[in-house]
């Protein structure tokens, strides 16, 4: 049986790498959910429906494209950590929206 053990320096590098991917995911998520708020206001207001639909598709395409690039070029672990950053940004944007 082979054992995998991380030295102190390797563990620190993995933590820094995870923190970088977490912040990348948080930036992607914050932009995604803040534009979602704007998109909902467009749909609820008197803006044109085709413009709101175009913004919706563009928002989803940017999110899917960013996650696809991360998965294709960097692998599964950065994808999982970036997704955790997106979920953290979702929570932050929802909590900021509760304040008057």
C-alpha atoms as a PDB file:
ATOM      1  CA  UNK A   1       0.000   0.000   0.000  1.00  0.00           C
ATOM      2  CA  UNK A   2       1.246   3.467  -0.870  1.00  0.00           C
ATOM      3  CA  UNK A   3       0.828   6.303   1.577  1.00  0.00           C
ATOM      4  CA  UNK A   4       0.499   9.909   0.484  1.00  0.00           C
ATOM      5  CA  UNK A   5       1.952  12.429   2.859  1.00  0.00           C
ATOM      6  CA  UNK A   6       2.289  16.168   2.355  1.00  0.00           C
ATOM      7  CA  UNK A   7       5.229  18.104   3.662  1.00  0.00           C
ATOM      8  CA  UNK A   8       4.664  21.506   5.259  1.00  0.00           C
ATOM      9  CA  UNK A   9       5.704  23.438   2.153  1.00  0.00           C
ATOM     10  CA  UNK A  10       3.508  21.359  -0.162  1.00  0.00           C
ATOM     11  CA  UNK A  11       0.535  21.773   2.115  1.00  0.00           C
ATOM     12  CA  UNK A  12       1.023  25.538   2.144  1.00  0.00           C
ATOM     13  CA  UNK A  13       1.183  25.611  -1.659  1.00  0.00           C
ATOM     14  CA  UNK A  14      -2.018  23.571  -1.927  1.00  0.00           C
ATOM     15  CA  UNK A  15      -3.736  25.941   0.498  1.00  0.00           C
ATOM     16  CA  UNK A  16      -2.617  28.994  -1.486  1.00  0.00           C
ATOM     17  CA  UNK A  17      -3.763  27.364  -4.717  1.00  0.00           C
ATOM     18  CA  UNK A  18      -7.154  26.533  -3.196  1.00  0.00           C
ATOM     19  CA  UNK A  19      -7.491  30.087  -1.904  1.00  0.00           C
ATOM     20  CA  UNK A  20      -6.765  31.463  -5.354  1.00  0.00           C
ATOM     21  CA  UNK A  21      -9.412  29.244  -6.961  1.00  0.00           C
ATOM     22  CA  UNK A  22     -11.870  30.107  -4.213  1.00  0.00           C
ATOM     23  CA  UNK A  23     -11.415  33.813  -4.904  1.00  0.00           C
ATOM     24  CA  UNK A  24     -11.729  33.259  -8.677  1.00  0.00           C
ATOM     25  CA  UNK A  25     -15.004  31.437  -8.070  1.00  0.00           C
ATOM     26  CA  UNK A  26     -16.179  34.178  -5.726  1.00  0.00           C
ATOM     27  CA  UNK A  27     -15.525  36.837  -8.371  1.00  0.00           C
ATOM     28  CA  UNK A  28     -17.334  34.822 -11.033  1.00  0.00           C
ATOM     29  CA  UNK A  29     -20.229  34.152  -8.658  1.00  0.00           C
ATOM     30  CA  UNK A  30     -20.512  37.738  -7.467  1.00  0.00           C
ATOM     31  CA  UNK A  31     -20.706  39.048 -11.011  1.00  0.00           C
ATOM     32  CA  UNK A  32     -23.215  36.324 -11.919  1.00  0.00           C
ATOM     33  CA  UNK A  33     -25.569  36.961  -9.008  1.00  0.00           C
ATOM     34  CA  UNK A  34     -25.308  40.744  -9.119  1.00  0.00           C
ATOM     35  CA  UNK A  35     -26.249  40.702 -12.799  1.00  0.00           C
ATOM     36  CA  UNK A  36     -29.082  38.319 -11.891  1.00  0.00           C
ATOM     37  CA  UNK A  37     -30.440  41.022  -9.585  1.00  0.00           C
ATOM     38  CA  UNK A  38     -30.257  43.533 -12.422  1.00  0.00           C
ATOM     39  CA  UNK A  39     -31.861  41.044 -14.787  1.00  0.00           C
ATOM     40  CA  UNK A  40     -34.810  40.512 -12.440  1.00  0.00           C
ATOM     41  CA  UNK A  41     -35.320  44.260 -12.240  1.00  0.00           C
ATOM     42  CA  UNK A  42     -35.316  44.401 -16.042  1.00  0.00           C
ATOM     43  CA  UNK A  43     -37.949  41.669 -16.238  1.00  0.00           C
ATOM     44  CA  UNK A  44     -40.104  43.243 -13.517  1.00  0.00           C
ATOM     45  CA  UNK A  45     -39.802  46.736 -14.947  1.00  0.00           C
ATOM     46  CA  UNK A  46     -40.818  48.121 -18.284  1.00  0.00           C
ATOM     47  CA  UNK A  47     -37.663  47.039 -20.152  1.00  0.00           C
ATOM     48  CA  UNK A  48     -38.054  45.033 -23.317  1.00  0.00           C
ATOM     49  CA  UNK A  49     -38.330  41.284 -22.892  1.00  0.00           C
ATOM     50  CA  UNK A  50     -35.829  40.416 -25.674  1.00  0.00           C
ATOM     51  CA  UNK A  51     -33.150  42.545 -24.007  1.00  0.00           C
ATOM     52  CA  UNK A  52     -33.751  40.886 -20.636  1.00  0.00           C
ATOM     53  CA  UNK A  53     -33.641  37.462 -22.285  1.00  0.00           C
ATOM     54  CA  UNK A  54     -30.360  38.322 -24.024  1.00  0.00           C
ATOM     55  CA  UNK A  55     -28.839  39.426 -20.727  1.00  0.00           C
ATOM     56  CA  UNK A  56     -30.016  36.175 -19.133  1.00  0.00           C
ATOM     57  CA  UNK A  57     -28.448  34.010 -21.847  1.00  0.00           C
ATOM     58  CA  UNK A  58     -25.242  36.036 -21.771  1.00  0.00           C
ATOM     59  CA  UNK A  59     -24.990  35.696 -17.998  1.00  0.00           C
ATOM     60  CA  UNK A  60     -25.430  31.937 -18.154  1.00  0.00           C
ATOM     61  CA  UNK A  61     -23.016  31.588 -21.082  1.00  0.00           C
ATOM     62  CA  UNK A  62     -20.289  33.454 -19.218  1.00  0.00           C
ATOM     63  CA  UNK A  63     -20.743  31.289 -16.118  1.00  0.00           C
ATOM     64  CA  UNK A  64     -20.777  28.031 -18.090  1.00  0.00           C
ATOM     65  CA  UNK A  65     -17.804  29.130 -20.204  1.00  0.00           C
ATOM     66  CA  UNK A  66     -15.719  30.053 -17.164  1.00  0.00           C
ATOM     67  CA  UNK A  67     -16.450  26.731 -15.479  1.00  0.00           C
ATOM     68  CA  UNK A  68     -15.724  24.829 -18.689  1.00  0.00           C
ATOM     69  CA  UNK A  69     -12.347  26.562 -19.071  1.00  0.00           C
ATOM     70  CA  UNK A  70     -11.445  25.778 -15.466  1.00  0.00           C
ATOM     71  CA  UNK A  71     -12.452  22.131 -15.885  1.00  0.00           C
ATOM     72  CA  UNK A  72     -10.697  21.672 -19.225  1.00  0.00           C
ATOM     73  CA  UNK A  73      -7.421  23.390 -18.419  1.00  0.00           C
ATOM     74  CA  UNK A  74      -6.968  22.925 -14.680  1.00  0.00           C
ATOM     75  CA  UNK A  75      -8.907  19.823 -13.634  1.00  0.00           C
ATOM     76  CA  UNK A  76     -11.533  18.707 -11.197  1.00  0.00           C
ATOM     77  CA  UNK A  77     -10.149  20.023  -7.925  1.00  0.00           C
ATOM     78  CA  UNK A  78      -9.922  23.677  -9.067  1.00  0.00           C
ATOM     79  CA  UNK A  79     -13.418  23.287 -10.538  1.00  0.00           C
ATOM     80  CA  UNK A  80     -14.812  22.093  -7.205  1.00  0.00           C
ATOM     81  CA  UNK A  81     -13.088  24.861  -5.248  1.00  0.00           C
ATOM     82  CA  UNK A  82     -14.200  27.540  -7.741  1.00  0.00           C
ATOM     83  CA  UNK A  83     -17.757  26.226  -7.486  1.00  0.00           C
ATOM     84  CA  UNK A  84     -17.535  26.557  -3.709  1.00  0.00           C
ATOM     85  CA  UNK A  85     -16.494  30.180  -4.277  1.00  0.00           C
ATOM     86  CA  UNK A  86     -19.535  30.710  -6.490  1.00  0.00           C
ATOM     87  CA  UNK A  87     -21.801  29.324  -3.778  1.00  0.00           C
ATOM     88  CA  UNK A  88     -20.151  31.530  -1.161  1.00  0.00           C
ATOM     89  CA  UNK A  89     -20.702  34.562  -3.395  1.00  0.00           C
ATOM     90  CA  UNK A  90     -24.362  33.579  -3.750  1.00  0.00           C
ATOM     91  CA  UNK A  91     -24.763  33.649   0.015  1.00  0.00           C
ATOM     92  CA  UNK A  92     -22.981  36.998   0.265  1.00  0.00           C
ATOM     93  CA  UNK A  93     -25.098  38.619  -2.457  1.00  0.00           C
ATOM     94  CA  UNK A  94     -28.310  37.316  -0.891  1.00  0.00           C
ATOM     95  CA  UNK A  95     -27.332  38.657   2.531  1.00  0.00           C
ATOM     96  CA  UNK A  96     -26.360  42.034   1.082  1.00  0.00           C
ATOM     97  CA  UNK A  97     -29.729  42.222  -0.641  1.00  0.00           C
ATOM     98  CA  UNK A  98     -31.597  41.820   2.652  1.00  0.00           C
ATOM     99  CA  UNK A  99     -30.311  45.127   3.991  1.00  0.00           C
ATOM    100  CA  UNK A 100     -32.545  48.137   3.261  1.00  0.00           C
END
